[in-house]
Amino acid sequence: MLRKYWAANKFALVYTIAYTEIRKGVNLMSRTANVFARIEPEIKEQAEDVLGQLGIPMSNAIGLFLRQVVLQRGMPFEMKLPRNKPLALGALSDAELAAELQKGLDDLHAGRVHPAEEVFAELEAEFGI
């Protein structure tokens, strides 16, 4: 229970300590280091929008992330490759659809074929379709 309480309140504790230090006139900037990172502009804008709604400056969010890396001795979230998903016909452009159809024809001409039962069993197992 104490661990859950601490996890829920450590941001509030850090904020309270920083606020108290600022009120005392302590210059927190002297105890910081610069981090430079290249980020895709779209991701940066989207993150700024979300963080703005939360009232958290980007620099604070990055600091929170780095603190979690230290506390958890690793990435503070699970990292997995996304599951492959079957192509959605409506999500493909005409060029993408033509390319996928051409791949299928190339496989057919090359003899890379599988019985329909095998394909359906694999779809069921992998995607629950």
N, C-alpha and C. Protein backbone atom coordinates (compact mmCIF):
# COMPACT_ATOMS: atom_id res chain seq x y z
N MET A 1 0.82 -1.18 0.00
CA MET A 1 0.00 0.00 0.00
C MET A 1 0.87 1.25 0.00
N LEU A 2 1.95 1.23 0.79
CA LEU A 2 2.85 2.37 0.84
C LEU A 2 3.46 2.63 -0.52
N ARG A 3 3.81 1.57 -1.25
CA ARG A 3 4.41 1.72 -2.58
C ARG A 3 3.44 2.41 -3.54
N LYS A 4 2.15 2.00 -3.51
CA LYS A 4 1.15 2.63 -4.36
C LYS A 4 1.00 4.11 -3.99
N TYR A 5 0.97 4.39 -2.70
CA TYR A 5 0.84 5.77 -2.25
C TYR A 5 2.04 6.59 -2.74
N TRP A 6 3.22 6.04 -2.61
CA TRP A 6 4.43 6.74 -3.04
C TRP A 6 4.40 6.96 -4.55
N ALA A 7 4.02 5.94 -5.32
CA ALA A 7 3.97 6.08 -6.77
C ALA A 7 2.97 7.15 -7.17
N ALA A 8 1.84 7.22 -6.49
CA ALA A 8 0.83 8.20 -6.83
C ALA A 8 1.22 9.61 -6.41
N ASN A 9 2.09 9.73 -5.43
CA ASN A 9 2.38 11.05 -4.88
C ASN A 9 3.80 11.55 -5.10
N LYS A 10 4.63 10.80 -5.79
CA LYS A 10 6.01 11.26 -5.95
C LYS A 10 6.09 12.51 -6.83
N PHE A 11 5.20 12.64 -7.83
CA PHE A 11 5.20 13.86 -8.63
C PHE A 11 4.83 15.05 -7.74
N ALA A 12 3.82 14.87 -6.90
CA ALA A 12 3.40 15.94 -6.00
C ALA A 12 4.53 16.31 -5.05
N LEU A 13 5.29 15.32 -4.59
CA LEU A 13 6.41 15.56 -3.69
C LEU A 13 7.50 16.36 -4.41
N VAL A 14 7.86 15.96 -5.62
CA VAL A 14 8.87 16.68 -6.38
C VAL A 14 8.41 18.11 -6.63
N TYR A 15 7.17 18.28 -7.02
CA TYR A 15 6.62 19.62 -7.27
C TYR A 15 6.66 20.46 -6.00
N THR A 16 6.28 19.88 -4.86
CA THR A 16 6.26 20.61 -3.60
C THR A 16 7.66 21.03 -3.19
N ILE A 17 8.63 20.13 -3.34
CA ILE A 17 10.01 20.47 -3.01
C ILE A 17 10.51 21.60 -3.90
N ALA A 18 10.25 21.49 -5.21
CA ALA A 18 10.70 22.53 -6.14
C ALA A 18 10.04 23.86 -5.80
N TYR A 19 8.75 23.87 -5.51
CA TYR A 19 8.03 25.09 -5.19
C TYR A 19 8.60 25.72 -3.92
N THR A 20 8.87 24.89 -2.92
CA THR A 20 9.43 25.38 -1.66
C THR A 20 10.80 25.99 -1.88
N GLU A 21 11.62 25.34 -2.68
CA GLU A 21 12.97 25.85 -2.96
C GLU A 21 12.90 27.19 -3.70
N ILE A 22 11.97 27.31 -4.64
CA ILE A 22 11.82 28.55 -5.38
C ILE A 22 11.38 29.67 -4.44
N ARG A 23 10.44 29.37 -3.55
CA ARG A 23 9.96 30.39 -2.59
C ARG A 23 11.08 30.84 -1.67
N LYS A 24 12.03 29.95 -1.37
CA LYS A 24 13.16 30.33 -0.51
C LYS A 24 14.19 31.15 -1.29
N GLY A 25 14.01 31.22 -2.61
CA GLY A 25 14.96 31.98 -3.41
C GLY A 25 16.10 31.13 -3.94
N VAL A 26 15.98 29.82 -3.84
CA VAL A 26 17.02 28.92 -4.35
C VAL A 26 16.89 28.86 -5.87
N ASN A 27 17.97 29.01 -6.57
CA ASN A 27 17.96 28.96 -8.03
C ASN A 27 18.08 27.50 -8.47
N LEU A 28 16.97 26.91 -8.87
CA LEU A 28 16.98 25.51 -9.29
C LEU A 28 17.71 25.34 -10.63
N MET A 29 17.76 26.38 -11.45
CA MET A 29 18.40 26.27 -12.76
C MET A 29 19.89 25.96 -12.63
N SER A 30 20.49 26.39 -11.52
CA SER A 30 21.91 26.10 -11.36
C SER A 30 22.16 24.62 -11.12
N ARG A 31 21.10 23.88 -10.81
CA ARG A 31 21.26 22.46 -10.55
C ARG A 31 20.65 21.61 -11.67
N THR A 32 20.67 22.13 -12.89
CA THR A 32 20.12 21.39 -14.02
C THR A 32 21.19 21.23 -15.09
N ALA A 33 20.92 20.30 -16.00
CA ALA A 33 21.79 20.07 -17.15
C ALA A 33 20.94 20.11 -18.40
N ASN A 34 21.54 20.47 -19.51
CA ASN A 34 20.82 20.53 -20.77
C ASN A 34 20.80 19.17 -21.44
N VAL A 35 19.68 18.87 -22.08
CA VAL A 35 19.52 17.67 -22.89
C VAL A 35 19.07 18.12 -24.27
N PHE A 36 19.78 17.70 -25.30
CA PHE A 36 19.40 18.05 -26.66
C PHE A 36 18.97 16.78 -27.37
N ALA A 37 17.82 16.83 -28.03
CA ALA A 37 17.30 15.65 -28.73
C ALA A 37 16.64 16.10 -30.02
N ARG A 38 16.76 15.28 -31.05
CA ARG A 38 16.08 15.55 -32.31
C ARG A 38 14.77 14.76 -32.29
N ILE A 39 13.67 15.47 -32.52
CA ILE A 39 12.34 14.87 -32.47
C ILE A 39 11.60 15.26 -33.74
N GLU A 40 10.81 14.34 -34.26
CA GLU A 40 9.99 14.66 -35.42
C GLU A 40 9.04 15.80 -35.05
N PRO A 41 8.92 16.82 -35.89
CA PRO A 41 8.09 17.98 -35.55
C PRO A 41 6.64 17.62 -35.21
N GLU A 42 6.06 16.66 -35.93
CA GLU A 42 4.67 16.29 -35.66
C GLU A 42 4.52 15.68 -34.27
N ILE A 43 5.47 14.83 -33.89
CA ILE A 43 5.42 14.19 -32.57
C ILE A 43 5.58 15.25 -31.49
N LYS A 44 6.51 16.17 -31.70
CA LYS A 44 6.73 17.24 -30.73
C LYS A 44 5.47 18.07 -30.55
N GLU A 45 4.82 18.45 -31.64
CA GLU A 45 3.60 19.25 -31.55
C GLU A 45 2.48 18.49 -30.83
N GLN A 46 2.33 17.22 -31.16
CA GLN A 46 1.29 16.41 -30.52
C GLN A 46 1.56 16.28 -29.02
N ALA A 47 2.83 16.05 -28.68
CA ALA A 47 3.19 15.93 -27.26
C ALA A 47 2.97 17.24 -26.53
N GLU A 48 3.33 18.36 -27.17
CA GLU A 48 3.10 19.67 -26.55
C GLU A 48 1.61 19.92 -26.31
N ASP A 49 0.77 19.50 -27.25
CA ASP A 49 -0.67 19.66 -27.09
C ASP A 49 -1.17 18.88 -25.87
N VAL A 50 -0.75 17.61 -25.78
CA VAL A 50 -1.18 16.77 -24.66
C VAL A 50 -0.65 17.32 -23.34
N LEU A 51 0.64 17.64 -23.32
CA LEU A 51 1.24 18.15 -22.09
C LEU A 51 0.64 19.49 -21.69
N GLY A 52 0.30 20.32 -22.68
CA GLY A 52 -0.35 21.59 -22.39
C GLY A 52 -1.68 21.39 -21.70
N GLN A 53 -2.44 20.40 -22.15
CA GLN A 53 -3.72 20.09 -21.52
C GLN A 53 -3.53 19.61 -20.09
N LEU A 54 -2.39 18.94 -19.85
CA LEU A 54 -2.09 18.45 -18.50
C LEU A 54 -1.43 19.52 -17.63
N GLY A 55 -1.01 20.63 -18.26
CA GLY A 55 -0.34 21.69 -17.52
C GLY A 55 1.09 21.36 -17.16
N ILE A 56 1.73 20.53 -17.97
CA ILE A 56 3.11 20.12 -17.70
C ILE A 56 4.01 20.63 -18.83
N PRO A 57 5.02 21.44 -18.51
CA PRO A 57 5.96 21.88 -19.55
C PRO A 57 6.76 20.69 -20.09
N MET A 58 7.19 20.80 -21.34
CA MET A 58 7.94 19.71 -21.99
C MET A 58 9.18 19.34 -21.17
N SER A 59 9.91 20.33 -20.65
CA SER A 59 11.13 20.04 -19.89
C SER A 59 10.81 19.23 -18.64
N ASN A 60 9.69 19.54 -17.97
CA ASN A 60 9.30 18.76 -16.79
C ASN A 60 8.94 17.32 -17.18
N ALA A 61 8.24 17.16 -18.30
CA ALA A 61 7.86 15.82 -18.75
C ALA A 61 9.11 14.99 -19.05
N ILE A 62 10.08 15.60 -19.68
CA ILE A 62 11.33 14.88 -19.99
C ILE A 62 12.05 14.52 -18.69
N GLY A 63 12.07 15.46 -17.74
CA GLY A 63 12.68 15.17 -16.44
C GLY A 63 11.98 14.04 -15.72
N LEU A 64 10.64 14.02 -15.76
CA LEU A 64 9.88 12.93 -15.13
C LEU A 64 10.21 11.60 -15.79
N PHE A 65 10.29 11.61 -17.13
CA PHE A 65 10.64 10.38 -17.85
C PHE A 65 12.02 9.87 -17.41
N LEU A 66 13.00 10.75 -17.35
CA LEU A 66 14.36 10.34 -16.97
C LEU A 66 14.42 9.86 -15.53
N ARG A 67 13.64 10.48 -14.63
CA ARG A 67 13.59 10.00 -13.25
C ARG A 67 13.03 8.58 -13.19
N GLN A 68 12.01 8.31 -14.00
CA GLN A 68 11.43 6.97 -14.03
C GLN A 68 12.42 5.95 -14.58
N VAL A 69 13.21 6.34 -15.57
CA VAL A 69 14.25 5.45 -16.10
C VAL A 69 15.20 5.06 -14.97
N VAL A 70 15.61 6.05 -14.18
CA VAL A 70 16.52 5.79 -13.06
C VAL A 70 15.85 4.92 -12.01
N LEU A 71 14.63 5.29 -11.60
CA LEU A 71 13.95 4.55 -10.54
C LEU A 71 13.66 3.11 -10.93
N GLN A 72 13.30 2.89 -12.19
CA GLN A 72 12.94 1.55 -12.63
C GLN A 72 14.12 0.80 -13.23
N ARG A 73 15.24 1.49 -13.33
CA ARG A 73 16.46 0.90 -13.89
C ARG A 73 16.20 0.33 -15.29
N GLY A 74 15.48 1.08 -16.08
CA GLY A 74 15.14 0.68 -17.44
C GLY A 74 14.04 1.57 -17.98
N MET A 75 13.53 1.20 -19.11
CA MET A 75 12.45 1.98 -19.71
C MET A 75 11.22 1.89 -18.81
N PRO A 76 10.52 3.01 -18.60
CA PRO A 76 9.37 2.99 -17.69
C PRO A 76 8.07 2.51 -18.35
N PHE A 77 8.20 1.80 -19.44
CA PHE A 77 7.04 1.22 -20.11
C PHE A 77 7.51 -0.01 -20.87
N GLU A 78 6.56 -0.86 -21.17
CA GLU A 78 6.87 -2.09 -21.89
C GLU A 78 7.13 -1.77 -23.36
N MET A 79 8.17 -2.35 -23.89
CA MET A 79 8.51 -2.13 -25.30
C MET A 79 8.30 -3.43 -26.06
N LYS A 80 7.37 -3.40 -27.02
CA LYS A 80 7.08 -4.57 -27.83
C LYS A 80 6.92 -4.13 -29.27
N LEU A 81 7.18 -5.05 -30.16
CA LEU A 81 6.88 -4.80 -31.56
C LEU A 81 5.38 -4.91 -31.74
N PRO A 82 4.79 -4.05 -32.55
CA PRO A 82 3.34 -4.17 -32.75
C PRO A 82 3.01 -5.46 -33.48
N ARG A 83 1.84 -5.99 -33.16
CA ARG A 83 1.40 -7.21 -33.86
C ARG A 83 1.12 -6.86 -35.30
N ASN A 84 1.47 -7.79 -36.15
CA ASN A 84 1.10 -7.60 -37.56
C ASN A 84 -0.41 -7.70 -37.66
N LYS A 85 -0.97 -6.81 -38.42
CA LYS A 85 -2.42 -6.83 -38.61
C LYS A 85 -2.71 -7.05 -40.08
N PRO A 86 -3.80 -7.73 -40.39
CA PRO A 86 -4.14 -7.88 -41.80
C PRO A 86 -4.45 -6.52 -42.42
N LEU A 87 -4.17 -6.40 -43.70
CA LEU A 87 -4.41 -5.14 -44.38
C LEU A 87 -5.91 -4.87 -44.47
N ALA A 88 -6.29 -3.64 -44.22
CA ALA A 88 -7.68 -3.23 -44.38
C ALA A 88 -7.82 -2.62 -45.77
N LEU A 89 -8.69 -3.17 -46.57
CA LEU A 89 -8.85 -2.74 -47.96
C LEU A 89 -9.12 -1.25 -48.05
N GLY A 90 -9.97 -0.73 -47.18
CA GLY A 90 -10.32 0.68 -47.22
C GLY A 90 -9.19 1.61 -46.83
N ALA A 91 -8.17 1.08 -46.14
CA ALA A 91 -7.06 1.91 -45.68
C ALA A 91 -5.96 2.04 -46.74
N LEU A 92 -6.07 1.29 -47.83
CA LEU A 92 -5.04 1.31 -48.86
C LEU A 92 -5.37 2.32 -49.96
N SER A 93 -4.33 2.98 -50.43
CA SER A 93 -4.51 3.84 -51.61
C SER A 93 -4.59 2.93 -52.83
N ASP A 94 -4.94 3.49 -53.98
CA ASP A 94 -5.01 2.70 -55.21
C ASP A 94 -3.65 2.08 -55.53
N ALA A 95 -2.58 2.84 -55.34
CA ALA A 95 -1.24 2.34 -55.63
C ALA A 95 -0.86 1.21 -54.68
N GLU A 96 -1.19 1.37 -53.39
CA GLU A 96 -0.88 0.33 -52.41
C GLU A 96 -1.68 -0.94 -52.70
N LEU A 97 -2.96 -0.78 -53.06
CA LEU A 97 -3.79 -1.93 -53.41
C LEU A 97 -3.22 -2.66 -54.61
N ALA A 98 -2.84 -1.91 -55.64
CA ALA A 98 -2.25 -2.52 -56.84
C ALA A 98 -0.97 -3.27 -56.49
N ALA A 99 -0.14 -2.69 -55.61
CA ALA A 99 1.11 -3.35 -55.21
C ALA A 99 0.83 -4.65 -54.45
N GLU A 100 -0.16 -4.64 -53.55
CA GLU A 100 -0.50 -5.85 -52.80
C GLU A 100 -1.07 -6.93 -53.72
N LEU A 101 -1.91 -6.53 -54.66
CA LEU A 101 -2.45 -7.50 -55.62
C LEU A 101 -1.33 -8.08 -56.48
N GLN A 102 -0.37 -7.23 -56.86
CA GLN A 102 0.77 -7.72 -57.66
C GLN A 102 1.61 -8.72 -56.87
N LYS A 103 1.80 -8.46 -55.57
CA LYS A 103 2.53 -9.42 -54.72
C LYS A 103 1.82 -10.77 -54.73
N GLY A 104 0.50 -10.74 -54.62
CA GLY A 104 -0.27 -11.99 -54.63
C GLY A 104 -0.13 -12.72 -55.95
N LEU A 105 -0.20 -11.99 -57.05
CA LEU A 105 -0.04 -12.62 -58.37
C LEU A 105 1.37 -13.19 -58.54
N ASP A 106 2.37 -12.45 -58.06
CA ASP A 106 3.75 -12.94 -58.14
C ASP A 106 3.91 -14.23 -57.34
N ASP A 107 3.32 -14.29 -56.14
CA ASP A 107 3.37 -15.51 -55.33
C ASP A 107 2.68 -16.67 -56.04
N LEU A 108 1.55 -16.40 -56.65
CA LEU A 108 0.81 -17.43 -57.37
C LEU A 108 1.63 -17.99 -58.52
N HIS A 109 2.23 -17.10 -59.32
CA HIS A 109 3.05 -17.54 -60.46
C HIS A 109 4.31 -18.28 -60.01
N ALA A 110 4.83 -17.93 -58.82
CA ALA A 110 6.04 -18.57 -58.30
C ALA A 110 5.73 -19.87 -57.56
N GLY A 111 4.46 -20.20 -57.42
CA GLY A 111 4.09 -21.44 -56.73
C GLY A 111 4.07 -21.32 -55.22
N ARG A 112 4.13 -20.12 -54.71
CA ARG A 112 4.09 -19.91 -53.25
C ARG A 112 2.62 -19.79 -52.84
N VAL A 113 1.97 -20.93 -52.75
CA VAL A 113 0.54 -20.97 -52.42
C VAL A 113 0.31 -21.88 -51.22
N HIS A 114 -0.81 -21.65 -50.53
CA HIS A 114 -1.18 -22.45 -49.36
C HIS A 114 -2.66 -22.79 -49.46
N PRO A 115 -3.06 -23.95 -48.98
CA PRO A 115 -4.48 -24.30 -48.99
C PRO A 115 -5.28 -23.31 -48.14
N ALA A 116 -6.50 -23.04 -48.55
CA ALA A 116 -7.36 -22.07 -47.86
C ALA A 116 -7.56 -22.44 -46.40
N GLU A 117 -7.69 -23.72 -46.11
CA GLU A 117 -7.90 -24.15 -44.72
C GLU A 117 -6.72 -23.74 -43.85
N GLU A 118 -5.53 -23.87 -44.39
CA GLU A 118 -4.31 -23.51 -43.66
C GLU A 118 -4.27 -21.99 -43.41
N VAL A 119 -4.65 -21.23 -44.41
CA VAL A 119 -4.66 -19.77 -44.28
C VAL A 119 -5.67 -19.33 -43.24
N PHE A 120 -6.88 -19.89 -43.28
CA PHE A 120 -7.91 -19.53 -42.31
C PHE A 120 -7.52 -19.93 -40.89
N ALA A 121 -6.88 -21.08 -40.74
CA ALA A 121 -6.43 -21.52 -39.42
C ALA A 121 -5.37 -20.56 -38.88
N GLU A 122 -4.47 -20.11 -39.74
CA GLU A 122 -3.43 -19.17 -39.31
C GLU A 122 -4.03 -17.81 -38.94
N LEU A 123 -5.01 -17.33 -39.72
CA LEU A 123 -5.68 -16.07 -39.40
C LEU A 123 -6.40 -16.16 -38.05
N GLU A 124 -7.04 -17.30 -37.81
CA GLU A 124 -7.74 -17.51 -36.55
C GLU A 124 -6.75 -17.49 -35.38
N ALA A 125 -5.64 -18.20 -35.53
CA ALA A 125 -4.66 -18.30 -34.46
C ALA A 125 -3.97 -16.96 -34.18
N GLU A 126 -3.62 -16.24 -35.24
CA GLU A 126 -2.84 -15.02 -35.07
C GLU A 126 -3.67 -13.78 -34.77
N PHE A 127 -4.84 -13.68 -35.39
CA PHE A 127 -5.62 -12.46 -35.28
C PHE A 127 -7.00 -12.66 -34.64
N GLY A 128 -7.37 -13.88 -34.41
CA GLY A 128 -8.69 -14.15 -33.85
C GLY A 128 -9.81 -13.87 -34.83
N ILE A 129 -9.50 -13.98 -36.11
CA ILE A 129 -10.51 -13.72 -37.16
C ILE A 129 -11.23 -15.00 -37.52
